[in-house]
Amino acid sequence: MRKKIMIIAVCVLAVPVLLFAFWAIMSPGKIRQYADANSLSEKFVMDINGAPNGFFINSRDISNPVLLLVSSGPGTDDYVFTDKYKDMHLEDEFTMVYWDYRYMGIAYNGNIDIDSVNIDNLLDDTYAVTEYLKERFNKDKIYIMGFSGGTHIALREAERHPENYYAYIGMAQCVTDSYENDTLMYNFMKGVFESNGDKNRLNKLEDSVNHLDGGNIKCKDWYAYVNLLHDAGGGTILNKTEFEGVVLPIITCKCYTLKEKINYVAGMKKYRTTPLAEELNDHDYRKSITSFDLPVFFISGEYDYNCPWELIEDYCGIIEAPAKGFYKIPGSAHSPLWENPDATYDAMVEIKEMTLDG
């Protein structure tokens, strides 16, 4: 009997150790490589304005224009999606630079200076990163693309320094955190849950909001609200739960080491406690930033209700810019670049052709 207990105990202890070891082996930290003579694949951390910043760079031809992708969240690295969804071919047209800004993603460490993560510093960092890329790749200008929470940073920097960019591209653009955003989300989720006869989630939805005058809605807790949105299919990846669409790609990707995966999550959580998290409350760019001295384009998924496409289309109609455009990508929710890479690639090539000589 004692022997059997010992065997069971060893097995219980061994299984998680073996799984952990297997996870480490399957996390080599390697990024996509190319055989092209003028190609580039790099992953590195460097100091920008006194803080660590991370970079993933993929390009089949470094003579192509540079596209700086300002990651989402803020504080969430997006190269993980490029690792998972292999059909995205923007590196054929651009030198793609995925930027982990200060103390996030691969740039995270335990010595994070929380107070330094604020909008002013991140805008200064964006300027410094842009200057670095222009000098390194011998470019007069580059493209800047914000994704979701990263649009707060990229949009403001494009408005502040239009001379540095051929165009601003907002994918899943944040427009406002007002009741309009929450109401569109609510109506979408309610429609899905009612159609599915999902009374449990309908009850959770009602518990998560306050009903305002005129049929408007304000959510009580943003993160709980977005979790429900994933259940309704309009979250990060169309018709995938948060675990399927976000957590699983992080766990299984090969572009991070095991330590980097742990740091990735730690960085996301820390970013929720930074001054930046407070500074981005109460925004409505339809009132605060409506005029640009460079071309401006928006890309939205037709089922994106994290950053509802209706608000983005409305914002595009309001702004004044030398050129502007709105692309609604079919068959996608919050991440059209990876969910429908063909349609998004076509949109990006069109934007490039319209603006590169501008």
Protein backbone atom coordinates (compact mmCIF):
# COMPACT_ATOMS: atom_id res chain seq x y z
CA MET A 1 0.00 0.00 0.00
CA ARG A 2 2.80 2.39 0.90
CA LYS A 3 4.56 1.58 -2.38
CA LYS A 4 1.43 2.40 -4.36
CA ILE A 5 1.07 5.71 -2.51
CA MET A 6 4.70 6.54 -3.30
CA ILE A 7 4.19 5.77 -7.01
CA ILE A 8 1.07 7.92 -7.14
CA ALA A 9 2.87 10.76 -5.35
CA VAL A 10 5.82 10.60 -7.78
CA CYS A 11 3.44 10.63 -10.76
CA VAL A 12 1.50 13.58 -9.36
CA LEU A 13 4.75 15.52 -8.93
CA ALA A 14 6.28 14.38 -12.22
CA VAL A 15 3.40 15.30 -14.51
CA PRO A 16 3.50 19.09 -13.95
CA VAL A 17 7.32 19.05 -14.09
CA LEU A 18 7.24 17.24 -17.44
CA LEU A 19 4.54 19.55 -18.77
CA PHE A 20 6.54 22.58 -17.68
CA ALA A 21 9.66 21.16 -19.35
CA PHE A 22 7.73 20.43 -22.54
CA TRP A 23 6.34 23.99 -22.51
CA ALA A 24 9.88 25.36 -22.17
CA ILE A 25 11.12 23.24 -25.10
CA MET A 26 8.20 24.45 -27.23
CA SER A 27 9.06 28.08 -26.40
CA PRO A 28 12.35 28.69 -28.23
CA GLY A 29 11.88 32.45 -28.57
CA LYS A 30 12.57 32.39 -32.33
CA ILE A 31 10.84 34.64 -34.85
CA ARG A 32 10.05 34.20 -38.54
CA GLN A 33 13.12 33.96 -40.78
CA TYR A 34 13.61 34.56 -44.52
CA ALA A 35 16.10 33.39 -47.11
CA ASP A 36 15.86 36.55 -49.24
CA ALA A 37 19.18 38.33 -49.75
CA ASN A 38 17.95 41.71 -48.53
CA SER A 39 15.69 40.37 -45.78
CA LEU A 40 15.81 40.99 -42.05
CA SER A 41 14.51 39.17 -38.98
CA GLU A 42 15.47 40.62 -35.60
CA LYS A 43 14.26 40.50 -32.04
CA PHE A 44 15.97 42.70 -29.47
CA VAL A 45 15.63 45.04 -26.50
CA MET A 46 17.26 48.45 -26.45
CA ASP A 47 17.22 51.55 -24.28
CA ILE A 48 14.94 54.40 -25.38
CA ASN A 49 14.89 57.53 -23.22
CA GLY A 50 16.24 55.60 -20.22
CA ALA A 51 13.81 52.66 -20.37
CA PRO A 52 13.93 49.21 -22.05
CA ASN A 53 11.96 48.88 -25.29
CA GLY A 54 11.48 45.70 -27.33
CA PHE A 55 11.43 45.19 -31.09
CA PHE A 56 10.45 42.43 -33.52
CA ILE A 57 11.43 43.29 -37.10
CA ASN A 58 10.45 41.25 -40.15
CA SER A 59 11.17 42.26 -43.74
CA ARG A 60 11.73 40.44 -47.01
CA ASP A 61 13.40 43.56 -48.40
CA ILE A 62 14.68 46.34 -46.16
CA SER A 63 14.51 48.80 -49.05
CA ASN A 64 10.71 48.70 -48.61
CA PRO A 65 9.05 51.44 -46.53
CA VAL A 66 9.08 50.98 -42.76
CA LEU A 67 5.81 50.39 -40.89
CA LEU A 68 5.92 50.93 -37.12
CA LEU A 69 3.13 49.01 -35.38
CA VAL A 70 2.31 50.46 -31.96
CA SER A 71 1.08 47.52 -29.93
CA SER A 72 -2.32 47.21 -28.32
CA GLY A 73 -3.51 47.16 -24.72
CA PRO A 74 -1.78 49.50 -24.07
CA GLY A 75 0.82 47.09 -22.77
CA THR A 76 0.02 44.03 -24.91
CA ASP A 77 2.57 42.78 -27.42
CA ASP A 78 1.01 41.79 -30.78
CA TYR A 79 3.80 39.85 -32.45
CA VAL A 80 2.21 36.75 -30.93
CA PHE A 81 -0.54 36.98 -33.55
CA THR A 82 1.99 37.23 -36.37
CA ASP A 83 3.58 34.08 -34.96
CA LYS A 84 0.25 32.24 -34.90
CA TYR A 85 -1.45 33.48 -38.06
CA LYS A 86 1.05 32.73 -40.82
CA ASP A 87 -0.94 34.16 -43.76
CA MET A 88 -0.21 37.78 -42.94
CA HIS A 89 2.21 39.00 -45.65
CA LEU A 90 2.78 42.67 -44.86
CA GLU A 91 6.51 41.94 -44.54
CA ASP A 92 6.46 41.50 -48.34
CA GLU A 93 5.49 45.18 -48.72
CA PHE A 94 6.95 46.81 -45.61
CA THR A 95 9.76 46.46 -43.14
CA MET A 96 7.46 45.54 -40.27
CA VAL A 97 8.50 46.82 -36.85
CA TYR A 98 6.48 45.52 -33.89
CA TRP A 99 7.27 47.75 -30.94
CA ASP A 100 7.02 46.68 -27.29
CA TYR A 101 7.09 50.06 -25.61
CA ARG A 102 8.71 50.70 -22.27
CA TYR A 103 8.54 47.82 -19.79
CA MET A 104 6.03 45.71 -21.75
CA GLY A 105 6.33 42.42 -23.63
CA ILE A 106 9.96 41.37 -24.07
CA ALA A 107 11.02 44.70 -22.52
CA TYR A 108 9.44 43.87 -19.15
CA ASN A 109 11.58 43.48 -16.06
CA GLY A 110 11.01 43.51 -12.32
CA ASN A 111 12.51 47.00 -12.01
CA ILE A 112 9.64 48.65 -13.87
CA ASP A 113 9.28 52.34 -13.11
CA ILE A 114 5.48 52.53 -12.92
CA ASP A 115 5.34 56.31 -12.72
CA SER A 116 7.34 56.68 -15.95
CA VAL A 117 4.65 54.89 -17.96
CA ASN A 118 2.61 57.93 -18.89
CA ILE A 119 1.37 59.42 -22.14
CA ASP A 120 4.03 62.16 -22.33
CA ASN A 121 6.89 59.69 -21.99
CA LEU A 122 5.34 57.26 -24.47
CA LEU A 123 4.91 60.03 -27.03
CA ASP A 124 8.55 61.03 -26.52
CA ASP A 125 9.50 57.36 -26.92
CA THR A 126 7.47 57.11 -30.14
CA TYR A 127 9.34 60.10 -31.54
CA ALA A 128 12.70 58.59 -30.55
CA VAL A 129 11.79 55.18 -32.02
CA THR A 130 10.68 56.86 -35.25
CA GLU A 131 13.96 58.78 -35.50
CA TYR A 132 15.92 55.58 -34.85
CA LEU A 133 14.07 53.73 -37.61
CA LYS A 134 14.44 56.59 -40.08
CA GLU A 135 18.17 56.73 -39.48
CA ARG A 136 18.75 52.98 -39.42
CA PHE A 137 16.85 52.28 -42.64
CA ASN A 138 17.78 55.57 -44.35
CA LYS A 139 14.20 56.84 -44.67
CA ASP A 140 12.86 60.39 -44.67
CA LYS A 141 9.50 59.12 -43.43
CA ILE A 142 7.88 55.93 -42.21
CA TYR A 143 4.32 54.66 -41.70
CA ILE A 144 2.81 54.47 -38.24
CA MET A 145 -0.01 52.07 -37.36
CA GLY A 146 -1.74 51.87 -34.01
CA PHE A 147 -3.68 48.78 -33.00
CA SER A 148 -6.52 49.06 -30.47
CA GLY A 149 -5.10 50.56 -27.27
CA GLY A 150 -1.96 51.47 -29.20
CA THR A 151 -4.02 53.88 -31.30
CA HIS A 152 -4.08 56.27 -28.35
CA ILE A 153 -0.32 56.66 -28.70
CA ALA A 154 0.07 56.44 -32.47
CA LEU A 155 -2.80 58.82 -33.28
CA ARG A 156 -1.50 61.51 -30.95
CA GLU A 157 2.05 61.18 -32.24
CA ALA A 158 0.91 61.35 -35.87
CA GLU A 159 -1.00 64.54 -35.10
CA ARG A 160 1.99 65.92 -33.18
CA HIS A 161 4.70 65.08 -35.76
CA PRO A 162 3.07 64.58 -39.17
CA GLU A 163 6.37 65.34 -40.92
CA ASN A 164 7.69 61.94 -39.81
CA TYR A 165 5.01 59.79 -41.44
CA TYR A 166 3.61 58.99 -44.87
CA ALA A 167 0.31 58.16 -43.20
CA TYR A 168 -1.37 57.19 -39.96
CA ILE A 169 -3.28 53.89 -39.95
CA GLY A 170 -5.60 53.08 -37.06
CA MET A 171 -6.63 49.44 -36.81
CA ALA A 172 -9.47 48.97 -34.30
CA GLN A 173 -9.20 52.67 -33.51
CA CYS A 174 -10.20 53.81 -30.03
CA VAL A 175 -12.61 56.71 -30.52
CA THR A 176 -14.38 57.27 -27.19
CA ASP A 177 -14.94 55.58 -23.85
CA SER A 178 -18.33 57.25 -23.49
CA TYR A 179 -21.70 55.55 -23.14
CA GLU A 180 -21.90 55.34 -26.96
CA ASN A 181 -19.15 52.73 -27.02
CA ASP A 182 -20.72 50.70 -24.21
CA THR A 183 -24.21 50.94 -25.73
CA LEU A 184 -23.12 49.57 -29.11
CA MET A 185 -21.33 46.72 -27.34
CA TYR A 186 -24.38 46.01 -25.21
CA ASN A 187 -26.79 45.93 -28.13
CA PHE A 188 -24.51 43.57 -30.06
CA MET A 189 -24.04 41.20 -27.12
CA LYS A 190 -27.71 41.24 -26.18
CA GLY A 191 -28.68 40.37 -29.74
CA VAL A 192 -26.26 37.43 -29.85
CA PHE A 193 -27.23 36.04 -26.46
CA GLU A 194 -30.95 36.37 -27.18
CA SER A 195 -30.51 34.67 -30.54
CA ASN A 196 -28.66 31.81 -28.82
CA GLY A 197 -31.21 31.57 -26.00
CA ASP A 198 -28.33 32.10 -23.56
CA LYS A 199 -30.18 33.27 -20.43
CA ASN A 200 -27.13 32.83 -18.22
CA ARG A 201 -25.04 35.31 -20.20
CA LEU A 202 -28.00 37.65 -20.63
CA ASN A 203 -28.21 37.82 -16.83
CA LYS A 204 -24.46 38.42 -16.59
CA LEU A 205 -24.77 41.15 -19.20
CA GLU A 206 -27.50 42.93 -17.25
CA ASP A 207 -25.49 42.64 -14.04
CA SER A 208 -22.47 44.25 -15.76
CA VAL A 209 -24.13 47.52 -16.82
CA ASN A 210 -26.00 50.55 -15.63
CA HIS A 211 -28.95 51.71 -17.72
CA LEU A 212 -28.89 55.44 -18.42
CA ASP A 213 -31.52 57.78 -19.79
CA GLY A 214 -32.54 57.36 -23.40
CA GLY A 215 -31.71 53.66 -23.55
CA ASN A 216 -27.99 54.26 -23.17
CA ILE A 217 -25.63 51.95 -21.31
CA LYS A 218 -22.51 52.34 -19.18
CA CYS A 219 -20.55 49.26 -18.13
CA LYS A 220 -19.49 48.79 -14.52
CA ASP A 221 -16.17 47.03 -15.17
CA TRP A 222 -14.46 47.21 -18.56
CA TYR A 223 -12.51 43.94 -18.33
CA ALA A 224 -15.55 41.91 -17.27
CA TYR A 225 -17.52 43.57 -20.07
CA VAL A 226 -14.91 42.61 -22.68
CA ASN A 227 -14.90 39.02 -21.40
CA LEU A 228 -18.61 38.87 -22.20
CA LEU A 229 -17.92 40.37 -25.61
CA HIS A 230 -15.54 37.49 -26.35
CA ASP A 231 -18.33 35.09 -25.42
CA ALA A 232 -20.56 36.88 -27.93
CA GLY A 233 -17.97 36.49 -30.71
CA GLY A 234 -17.07 40.16 -31.18
CA GLY A 235 -13.83 40.20 -29.18
CA THR A 236 -10.18 39.94 -30.16
CA ILE A 237 -10.73 37.11 -32.66
CA LEU A 238 -14.12 36.48 -34.28
CA ASN A 239 -16.16 33.80 -32.51
CA LYS A 240 -13.34 32.88 -30.13
CA THR A 241 -13.37 33.18 -26.36
CA GLU A 242 -10.65 35.18 -24.65
CA PHE A 243 -8.85 31.94 -23.84
CA GLU A 244 -8.99 30.70 -27.44
CA GLY A 245 -8.22 34.04 -29.06
CA VAL A 246 -5.65 35.53 -26.69
CA VAL A 247 -4.41 33.21 -23.94
CA LEU A 248 -3.83 30.10 -26.06
CA PRO A 249 -1.76 31.92 -28.71
CA ILE A 250 0.46 33.32 -25.96
CA ILE A 251 0.91 29.89 -24.36
CA THR A 252 1.67 28.06 -27.62
CA CYS A 253 3.64 30.62 -29.62
CA LYS A 254 7.30 30.05 -30.49
CA CYS A 255 8.36 33.70 -30.63
CA TYR A 256 8.75 33.98 -26.83
CA THR A 257 10.83 32.00 -24.40
CA LEU A 258 9.07 30.64 -21.36
CA LYS A 259 10.41 33.51 -19.25
CA GLU A 260 9.21 36.02 -21.85
CA LYS A 261 5.71 34.51 -21.77
CA ILE A 262 5.59 34.93 -18.02
CA ASN A 263 6.89 38.49 -18.34
CA TYR A 264 4.33 39.19 -21.06
CA VAL A 265 1.47 38.55 -18.64
CA ALA A 266 3.21 40.38 -15.80
CA GLY A 267 3.68 43.42 -18.03
CA MET A 268 0.03 43.46 -19.07
CA LYS A 269 -1.07 43.44 -15.46
CA LYS A 270 1.39 46.16 -14.47
CA TYR A 271 0.21 48.43 -17.27
CA ARG A 272 -3.24 48.48 -15.70
CA THR A 273 -1.73 50.22 -12.65
CA THR A 274 0.25 52.91 -14.50
CA PRO A 275 -0.54 56.63 -14.81
CA LEU A 276 -1.23 55.89 -18.50
CA ALA A 277 -4.25 53.78 -17.56
CA GLU A 278 -5.80 56.79 -15.84
CA GLU A 279 -4.76 59.30 -18.50
CA LEU A 280 -6.59 57.41 -21.23
CA ASN A 281 -9.94 57.62 -19.44
CA ASP A 282 -12.60 60.08 -20.59
CA HIS A 283 -11.40 60.43 -24.17
CA ASP A 284 -13.35 61.34 -27.28
CA TYR A 285 -11.14 62.01 -30.28
CA ARG A 286 -14.12 63.33 -32.25
CA LYS A 287 -13.81 66.39 -30.01
CA SER A 288 -10.10 66.56 -29.21
CA ILE A 289 -8.24 65.54 -32.42
CA THR A 290 -10.05 66.20 -35.68
CA SER A 291 -7.47 67.82 -37.96
CA PHE A 292 -4.34 66.20 -39.39
CA ASP A 293 -1.53 67.32 -41.69
CA LEU A 294 -1.00 63.81 -43.07
CA PRO A 295 -3.18 61.12 -44.65
CA VAL A 296 -5.25 59.15 -42.15
CA PHE A 297 -6.83 55.73 -42.63
CA PHE A 298 -8.83 53.36 -40.47
CA ILE A 299 -9.22 49.58 -40.66
CA SER A 300 -12.02 47.84 -38.74
CA GLY A 301 -13.47 44.37 -38.51
CA GLU A 302 -17.16 44.17 -39.42
CA TYR A 303 -17.84 42.35 -36.13
CA ASP A 304 -15.55 44.44 -33.93
CA TYR A 305 -17.52 45.70 -30.94
CA ASN A 306 -14.51 46.15 -28.68
CA CYS A 307 -13.83 49.28 -30.71
CA PRO A 308 -17.15 49.49 -32.58
CA TRP A 309 -16.66 50.12 -36.27
CA GLU A 310 -19.67 52.46 -36.39
CA LEU A 311 -17.85 54.95 -34.16
CA ILE A 312 -14.68 54.70 -36.23
CA GLU A 313 -16.54 55.32 -39.48
CA ASP A 314 -18.19 58.32 -37.82
CA TYR A 315 -14.80 59.64 -36.67
CA CYS A 316 -13.34 59.25 -40.16
CA GLY A 317 -16.19 61.35 -41.54
CA ILE A 318 -15.48 64.14 -39.05
CA ILE A 319 -11.73 64.56 -39.42
CA GLU A 320 -9.95 66.82 -41.88
CA ALA A 321 -6.85 65.41 -43.55
CA PRO A 322 -5.04 65.59 -46.94
CA ALA A 323 -6.46 62.10 -47.62
CA LYS A 324 -8.50 59.72 -45.53
CA GLY A 325 -10.31 56.43 -45.77
CA PHE A 326 -12.22 53.79 -43.85
CA TYR A 327 -11.92 50.06 -44.56
CA LYS A 328 -14.37 47.59 -43.03
CA ILE A 329 -12.85 44.11 -43.25
CA PRO A 330 -15.35 41.25 -43.61
CA GLY A 331 -15.18 38.07 -41.55
CA SER A 332 -13.20 39.65 -38.73
CA ALA A 333 -13.69 41.21 -35.32
CA HIS A 334 -11.04 43.16 -33.41
CA SER A 335 -7.91 41.94 -35.26
CA PRO A 336 -8.53 42.10 -39.04
CA LEU A 337 -4.82 42.10 -39.86
CA TRP A 338 -4.64 38.49 -38.73
CA GLU A 339 -8.25 37.33 -39.04
CA ASN A 340 -8.66 38.29 -42.70
CA PRO A 341 -5.09 38.91 -43.86
CA ASP A 342 -5.92 38.94 -47.56
CA ALA A 343 -8.46 41.76 -47.37
CA THR A 344 -6.34 43.73 -44.90
CA TYR A 345 -3.23 43.23 -47.04
CA ASP A 346 -5.13 44.63 -50.04
CA ALA A 347 -6.18 47.66 -47.99
CA MET A 348 -2.62 48.27 -46.79
CA VAL A 349 -1.20 47.99 -50.33
CA GLU A 350 -3.81 50.49 -51.53
CA ILE A 351 -2.86 52.89 -48.73
CA LYS A 352 0.81 52.49 -49.60
CA GLU A 353 0.19 53.20 -53.29
CA MET A 354 -1.81 56.33 -52.43
CA THR A 355 0.68 57.80 -49.99
CA LEU A 356 4.26 56.60 -50.51
CA ASP A 357 5.26 59.51 -52.76
CA GLY A 358 3.36 62.02 -50.68
